[in-house]
Amino acid sequence: MQVGDLIRDNGDGELGLVTSEVCSYNTSEGPDLGEYVWVKWNIFSKPQRMSMTAIENGWVEVINGNESR
């Protein structure tokens, strides 16, 4: 996932725009368990932190990836 990716929440259909690179929490659970991105959702005035587990579990999907990959 990269800055500029358009994503959709599969629960309510809301669209969001990824506004940051993947970041990591400082956790003792391992390097892959604490990752997140900042997303500007249509329903919020400011970007919200979204755990990458939302993608992994299918709750959110990338619908229009950044073409500059």
PDB file of N, CA and C in Angstrom:
ATOM      1  N   MET A   1       0.848  -1.168   0.000  1.00  0.00           N
ATOM      2  CA  MET A   1       0.000   0.000   0.000  1.00  0.00           C
ATOM      3  C   MET A   1       0.898   1.237   0.000  1.00  0.00           C
ATOM      4  N   GLN A   2       0.497   2.239  -0.804  1.00  0.00           N
ATOM      5  CA  GLN A   2       1.307   3.443  -0.940  1.00  0.00           C
ATOM      6  C   GLN A   2       0.427   4.692  -0.872  1.00  0.00           C
ATOM      7  N   VAL A   3       1.089   5.817  -0.668  1.00  0.00           N
ATOM      8  CA  VAL A   3       0.406   7.103  -0.691  1.00  0.00           C
ATOM      9  C   VAL A   3      -0.314   7.239  -2.031  1.00  0.00           C
ATOM     10  N   GLY A   4      -1.564   7.660  -1.976  1.00  0.00           N
ATOM     11  CA  GLY A   4      -2.351   7.850  -3.188  1.00  0.00           C
ATOM     12  C   GLY A   4      -3.286   6.710  -3.513  1.00  0.00           C
ATOM     13  N   ASP A   5      -3.158   5.574  -2.815  1.00  0.00           N
ATOM     14  CA  ASP A   5      -4.072   4.462  -3.051  1.00  0.00           C
ATOM     15  C   ASP A   5      -5.469   4.837  -2.579  1.00  0.00           C
ATOM     16  N   LEU A   6      -6.468   4.510  -3.394  1.00  0.00           N
ATOM     17  CA  LEU A   6      -7.865   4.697  -3.030  1.00  0.00           C
ATOM     18  C   LEU A   6      -8.358   3.389  -2.436  1.00  0.00           C
ATOM     19  N   ILE A   7      -8.983   3.448  -1.262  1.00  0.00           N
ATOM     20  CA  ILE A   7      -9.441   2.240  -0.587  1.00  0.00           C
ATOM     21  C   ILE A   7     -10.927   2.350  -0.269  1.00  0.00           C
ATOM     22  N   ARG A   8     -11.556   1.183  -0.060  1.00  0.00           N
ATOM     23  CA  ARG A   8     -12.982   1.135   0.293  1.00  0.00           C
ATOM     24  C   ARG A   8     -13.161   0.267   1.527  1.00  0.00           C
ATOM     25  N   ASP A   9     -13.947   0.773   2.471  1.00  0.00           N
ATOM     26  CA  ASP A   9     -14.332   0.005   3.654  1.00  0.00           C
ATOM     27  C   ASP A   9     -15.438  -0.946   3.207  1.00  0.00           C
ATOM     28  N   ASN A  10     -15.208  -2.256   3.304  1.00  0.00           N
ATOM     29  CA  ASN A  10     -16.182  -3.238   2.840  1.00  0.00           C
ATOM     30  C   ASN A  10     -17.402  -3.335   3.739  1.00  0.00           C
ATOM     31  N   GLY A  11     -17.357  -2.742   4.907  1.00  0.00           N
ATOM     32  CA  GLY A  11     -18.508  -2.766   5.803  1.00  0.00           C
ATOM     33  C   GLY A  11     -19.551  -1.722   5.457  1.00  0.00           C
ATOM     34  N   ASP A  12     -19.093  -0.483   5.200  1.00  0.00           N
ATOM     35  CA  ASP A  12     -20.055   0.594   4.933  1.00  0.00           C
ATOM     36  C   ASP A  12     -19.880   1.252   3.566  1.00  0.00           C
ATOM     37  N   GLY A  13     -18.886   0.797   2.789  1.00  0.00           N
ATOM     38  CA  GLY A  13     -18.692   1.318   1.445  1.00  0.00           C
ATOM     39  C   GLY A  13     -17.993   2.663   1.366  1.00  0.00           C
ATOM     40  N   GLU A  14     -17.561   3.208   2.515  1.00  0.00           N
ATOM     41  CA  GLU A  14     -16.883   4.514   2.514  1.00  0.00           C
ATOM     42  C   GLU A  14     -15.557   4.429   1.775  1.00  0.00           C
ATOM     43  N   LEU A  15     -15.218   5.511   1.080  1.00  0.00           N
ATOM     44  CA  LEU A  15     -13.950   5.592   0.366  1.00  0.00           C
ATOM     45  C   LEU A  15     -12.944   6.395   1.168  1.00  0.00           C
ATOM     46  N   GLY A  16     -11.674   6.033   1.021  1.00  0.00           N
ATOM     47  CA  GLY A  16     -10.606   6.751   1.696  1.00  0.00           C
ATOM     48  C   GLY A  16      -9.376   6.830   0.807  1.00  0.00           C
ATOM     49  N   LEU A  17      -8.526   7.797   1.089  1.00  0.00           N
ATOM     50  CA  LEU A  17      -7.292   8.001   0.353  1.00  0.00           C
ATOM     51  C   LEU A  17      -6.124   7.827   1.314  1.00  0.00           C
ATOM     52  N   VAL A  18      -5.197   6.932   0.976  1.00  0.00           N
ATOM     53  CA  VAL A  18      -4.024   6.697   1.815  1.00  0.00           C
ATOM     54  C   VAL A  18      -3.116   7.922   1.721  1.00  0.00           C
ATOM     55  N   THR A  19      -2.756   8.497   2.887  1.00  0.00           N
ATOM     56  CA  THR A  19      -1.971   9.734   2.909  1.00  0.00           C
ATOM     57  C   THR A  19      -0.581   9.558   3.502  1.00  0.00           C
ATOM     58  N   SER A  20      -0.191   8.311   3.836  1.00  0.00           N
ATOM     59  CA  SER A  20       1.149   8.077   4.384  1.00  0.00           C
ATOM     60  C   SER A  20       1.682   6.737   3.905  1.00  0.00           C
ATOM     61  N   GLU A  21       2.982   6.591   3.996  1.00  0.00           N
ATOM     62  CA  GLU A  21       3.597   5.286   3.783  1.00  0.00           C
ATOM     63  C   GLU A  21       3.228   4.400   4.976  1.00  0.00           C
ATOM     64  N   VAL A  22       3.464   3.103   4.853  1.00  0.00           N
ATOM     65  CA  VAL A  22       3.210   2.183   5.957  1.00  0.00           C
ATOM     66  C   VAL A  22       4.189   2.508   7.086  1.00  0.00           C
ATOM     67  N   CYS A  23       3.654   2.684   8.295  1.00  0.00           N
ATOM     68  CA  CYS A  23       4.433   2.977   9.498  1.00  0.00           C
ATOM     69  C   CYS A  23       4.311   1.789  10.448  1.00  0.00           C
ATOM     70  N   SER A  24       5.192   1.738  11.449  1.00  0.00           N
ATOM     71  CA  SER A  24       5.156   0.636  12.412  1.00  0.00           C
ATOM     72  C   SER A  24       5.031   1.149  13.831  1.00  0.00           C
ATOM     73  N   TYR A  25       4.214   0.448  14.607  1.00  0.00           N
ATOM     74  CA  TYR A  25       4.153   0.674  16.043  1.00  0.00           C
ATOM     75  C   TYR A  25       5.384   0.029  16.659  1.00  0.00           C
ATOM     76  N   ASN A  26       5.780   0.460  17.827  1.00  0.00           N
ATOM     77  CA  ASN A  26       6.817  -0.240  18.581  1.00  0.00           C
ATOM     78  C   ASN A  26       6.134  -1.318  19.394  1.00  0.00           C
ATOM     79  N   THR A  27       6.194  -2.559  18.917  1.00  0.00           N
ATOM     80  CA  THR A  27       5.552  -3.663  19.625  1.00  0.00           C
ATOM     81  C   THR A  27       6.546  -4.783  19.857  1.00  0.00           C
ATOM     82  N   SER A  28       6.253  -5.605  20.823  1.00  0.00           N
ATOM     83  CA  SER A  28       7.081  -6.776  21.086  1.00  0.00           C
ATOM     84  C   SER A  28       6.518  -7.998  20.373  1.00  0.00           C
ATOM     85  N   GLU A  29       5.425  -7.822  19.615  1.00  0.00           N
ATOM     86  CA  GLU A  29       4.759  -8.950  18.958  1.00  0.00           C
ATOM     87  C   GLU A  29       5.398  -9.321  17.631  1.00  0.00           C
ATOM     88  N   GLY A  30       6.268  -8.506  17.109  1.00  0.00           N
ATOM     89  CA  GLY A  30       6.916  -8.806  15.844  1.00  0.00           C
ATOM     90  C   GLY A  30       6.775  -7.662  14.866  1.00  0.00           C
ATOM     91  N   PRO A  31       7.582  -7.661  13.821  1.00  0.00           N
ATOM     92  CA  PRO A  31       7.615  -6.534  12.894  1.00  0.00           C
ATOM     93  C   PRO A  31       6.357  -6.366  12.054  1.00  0.00           C
ATOM     94  N   ASP A  32       5.610  -7.414  11.789  1.00  0.00           N
ATOM     95  CA  ASP A  32       4.448  -7.301  10.908  1.00  0.00           C
ATOM     96  C   ASP A  32       3.145  -7.012  11.636  1.00  0.00           C
ATOM     97  N   LEU A  33       3.147  -7.044  12.950  1.00  0.00           N
ATOM     98  CA  LEU A  33       1.889  -6.937  13.683  1.00  0.00           C
ATOM     99  C   LEU A  33       1.533  -5.528  14.119  1.00  0.00           C
ATOM    100  N   GLY A  34       2.386  -4.562  13.858  1.00  0.00           N
ATOM    101  CA  GLY A  34       2.098  -3.224  14.318  1.00  0.00           C
ATOM    102  C   GLY A  34       2.139  -2.190  13.217  1.00  0.00           C
ATOM    103  N   GLU A  35       1.721  -2.543  12.012  1.00  0.00           N
ATOM    104  CA  GLU A  35       1.803  -1.610  10.902  1.00  0.00           C
ATOM    105  C   GLU A  35       0.482  -0.892  10.673  1.00  0.00           C
ATOM    106  N   TYR A  36       0.594   0.359  10.230  1.00  0.00           N
ATOM    107  CA  TYR A  36      -0.591   1.171   9.951  1.00  0.00           C
ATOM    108  C   TYR A  36      -0.288   2.208   8.889  1.00  0.00           C
ATOM    109  N   VAL A  37      -1.346   2.795   8.343  1.00  0.00           N
ATOM    110  CA  VAL A  37      -1.239   3.935   7.433  1.00  0.00           C
ATOM    111  C   VAL A  37      -2.234   4.991   7.893  1.00  0.00           C
ATOM    112  N   TRP A  38      -2.024   6.221   7.458  1.00  0.00           N
ATOM    113  CA  TRP A  38      -2.980   7.291   7.694  1.00  0.00           C
ATOM    114  C   TRP A  38      -3.881   7.376   6.466  1.00  0.00           C
ATOM    115  N   VAL A  39      -5.189   7.481   6.711  1.00  0.00           N
ATOM    116  CA  VAL A  39      -6.178   7.499   5.636  1.00  0.00           C
ATOM    117  C   VAL A  39      -7.110   8.691   5.822  1.00  0.00           C
ATOM    118  N   LYS A  40      -7.359   9.419   4.735  1.00  0.00           N
ATOM    119  CA  LYS A  40      -8.352  10.500   4.741  1.00  0.00           C
ATOM    120  C   LYS A  40      -9.652   9.910   4.223  1.00  0.00           C
ATOM    121  N   TRP A  41     -10.563   9.622   5.162  1.00  0.00           N
ATOM    122  CA  TRP A  41     -11.884   9.083   4.822  1.00  0.00           C
ATOM    123  C   TRP A  41     -12.826  10.239   4.512  1.00  0.00           C
ATOM    124  N   ASN A  42     -13.793  10.020   3.630  1.00  0.00           N
ATOM    125  CA  ASN A  42     -14.770  11.054   3.280  1.00  0.00           C
ATOM    126  C   ASN A  42     -15.554  11.550   4.493  1.00  0.00           C
ATOM    127  N   ILE A  43     -15.803  10.688   5.452  1.00  0.00           N
ATOM    128  CA  ILE A  43     -16.674  11.037   6.571  1.00  0.00           C
ATOM    129  C   ILE A  43     -15.961  11.750   7.713  1.00  0.00           C
ATOM    130  N   PHE A  44     -14.625  11.869   7.655  1.00  0.00           N
ATOM    131  CA  PHE A  44     -13.873  12.534   8.714  1.00  0.00           C
ATOM    132  C   PHE A  44     -13.143  13.746   8.153  1.00  0.00           C
ATOM    133  N   SER A  45     -12.993  14.770   8.967  1.00  0.00           N
ATOM    134  CA  SER A  45     -12.318  15.990   8.503  1.00  0.00           C
ATOM    135  C   SER A  45     -10.794  15.858   8.515  1.00  0.00           C
ATOM    136  N   LYS A  46     -10.255  14.945   9.314  1.00  0.00           N
ATOM    137  CA  LYS A  46      -8.803  14.749   9.412  1.00  0.00           C
ATOM    138  C   LYS A  46      -8.466  13.289   9.140  1.00  0.00           C
ATOM    139  N   PRO A  47      -7.246  13.012   8.659  1.00  0.00           N
ATOM    140  CA  PRO A  47      -6.835  11.621   8.431  1.00  0.00           C
ATOM    141  C   PRO A  47      -6.926  10.792   9.716  1.00  0.00           C
ATOM    142  N   GLN A  48      -7.240   9.519   9.529  1.00  0.00           N
ATOM    143  CA  GLN A  48      -7.374   8.568  10.626  1.00  0.00           C
ATOM    144  C   GLN A  48      -6.341   7.460  10.454  1.00  0.00           C
ATOM    145  N   ARG A  49      -5.828   6.955  11.565  1.00  0.00           N
ATOM    146  CA  ARG A  49      -4.887   5.844  11.521  1.00  0.00           C
ATOM    147  C   ARG A  49      -5.664   4.556  11.257  1.00  0.00           C
ATOM    148  N   MET A  50      -5.174   3.752  10.317  1.00  0.00           N
ATOM    149  CA  MET A  50      -5.815   2.482   9.999  1.00  0.00           C
ATOM    150  C   MET A  50      -4.777   1.371  10.073  1.00  0.00           C
ATOM    151  N   SER A  51      -5.041   0.382  10.879  1.00  0.00           N
ATOM    152  CA  SER A  51      -4.156  -0.770  11.003  1.00  0.00           C
ATOM    153  C   SER A  51      -4.151  -1.563   9.699  1.00  0.00           C
ATOM    154  N   MET A  52      -2.989  -2.067   9.324  1.00  0.00           N
ATOM    155  CA  MET A  52      -2.883  -2.885   8.126  1.00  0.00           C
ATOM    156  C   MET A  52      -3.638  -4.205   8.255  1.00  0.00           C
ATOM    157  N   THR A  53      -4.017  -4.581   9.466  1.00  0.00           N
ATOM    158  CA  THR A  53      -4.820  -5.793   9.630  1.00  0.00           C
ATOM    159  C   THR A  53      -6.185  -5.640   8.965  1.00  0.00           C
ATOM    160  N   ALA A  54      -6.641  -4.412   8.760  1.00  0.00           N
ATOM    161  CA  ALA A  54      -7.913  -4.193   8.067  1.00  0.00           C
ATOM    162  C   ALA A  54      -7.829  -4.713   6.628  1.00  0.00           C
ATOM    163  N   ILE A  55      -6.687  -4.520   5.988  1.00  0.00           N
ATOM    164  CA  ILE A  55      -6.467  -5.041   4.635  1.00  0.00           C
ATOM    165  C   ILE A  55      -6.316  -6.560   4.685  1.00  0.00           C
ATOM    166  N   GLU A  56      -5.486  -7.036   5.601  1.00  0.00           N
ATOM    167  CA  GLU A  56      -5.207  -8.467   5.710  1.00  0.00           C
ATOM    168  C   GLU A  56      -6.462  -9.281   5.991  1.00  0.00           C
ATOM    169  N   ASN A  57      -7.395  -8.715   6.765  1.00  0.00           N
ATOM    170  CA  ASN A  57      -8.623  -9.426   7.125  1.00  0.00           C
ATOM    171  C   ASN A  57      -9.760  -9.192   6.142  1.00  0.00           C
ATOM    172  N   GLY A  58      -9.528  -8.372   5.112  1.00  0.00           N
ATOM    173  CA  GLY A  58     -10.546  -8.145   4.096  1.00  0.00           C
ATOM    174  C   GLY A  58     -11.606  -7.127   4.469  1.00  0.00           C
ATOM    175  N   TRP A  59     -11.398  -6.386   5.556  1.00  0.00           N
ATOM    176  CA  TRP A  59     -12.367  -5.366   5.960  1.00  0.00           C
ATOM    177  C   TRP A  59     -12.283  -4.145   5.061  1.00  0.00           C
ATOM    178  N   VAL A  60     -11.092  -3.913   4.495  1.00  0.00           N
ATOM    179  CA  VAL A  60     -10.830  -2.788   3.605  1.00  0.00           C
ATOM    180  C   VAL A  60     -10.082  -3.326   2.399  1.00  0.00           C
ATOM    181  N   GLU A  61     -10.367  -2.774   1.208  1.00  0.00           N
ATOM    182  CA  GLU A  61      -9.651  -3.206   0.013  1.00  0.00           C
ATOM    183  C   GLU A  61      -9.152  -2.013  -0.785  1.00  0.00           C
ATOM    184  N   VAL A  62      -8.025  -2.204  -1.460  1.00  0.00           N
ATOM    185  CA  VAL A  62      -7.493  -1.197  -2.364  1.00  0.00           C
ATOM    186  C   VAL A  62      -8.274  -1.318  -3.663  1.00  0.00           C
ATOM    187  N   ILE A  63      -8.877  -0.215  -4.120  1.00  0.00           N
ATOM    188  CA  ILE A  63      -9.668  -0.278  -5.348  1.00  0.00           C
ATOM    189  C   ILE A  63      -9.022   0.444  -6.510  1.00  0.00           C
ATOM    190  N   ASN A  64      -8.051   1.301  -6.241  1.00  0.00           N
ATOM    191  CA  ASN A  64      -7.375   2.025  -7.307  1.00  0.00           C
ATOM    192  C   ASN A  64      -5.967   2.342  -6.845  1.00  0.00           C
ATOM    193  N   GLY A  65      -5.041   1.418  -7.095  1.00  0.00           N
ATOM    194  CA  GLY A  65      -3.671   1.603  -6.641  1.00  0.00           C
ATOM    195  C   GLY A  65      -2.984   2.753  -7.327  1.00  0.00           C
ATOM    196  N   ASN A  66      -1.999   3.313  -6.652  1.00  0.00           N
ATOM    197  CA  ASN A  66      -1.191   4.412  -7.172  1.00  0.00           C
ATOM    198  C   ASN A  66      -0.453   3.911  -8.428  1.00  0.00           C
ATOM    199  N   GLU A  67      -0.617   4.596  -9.536  1.00  0.00           N
ATOM    200  CA  GLU A  67      -0.063   4.149 -10.821  1.00  0.00           C
ATOM    201  C   GLU A  67       1.454   4.327 -10.929  1.00  0.00           C
ATOM    202  N   SER A  68       2.093   5.010  -9.963  1.00  0.00           N
ATOM    203  CA  SER A  68       3.522   5.279 -10.070  1.00  0.00           C
ATOM    204  C   SER A  68       4.384   4.185  -9.442  1.00  0.00           C
ATOM    205  N   ARG A  69       3.839   3.019  -9.182  1.00  0.00           N
ATOM    206  CA  ARG A  69       4.589   1.932  -8.557  1.00  0.00           C
ATOM    207  C   ARG A  69       5.628   1.361  -9.473  1.00  0.00           C
TER     208      ARG A  69
END
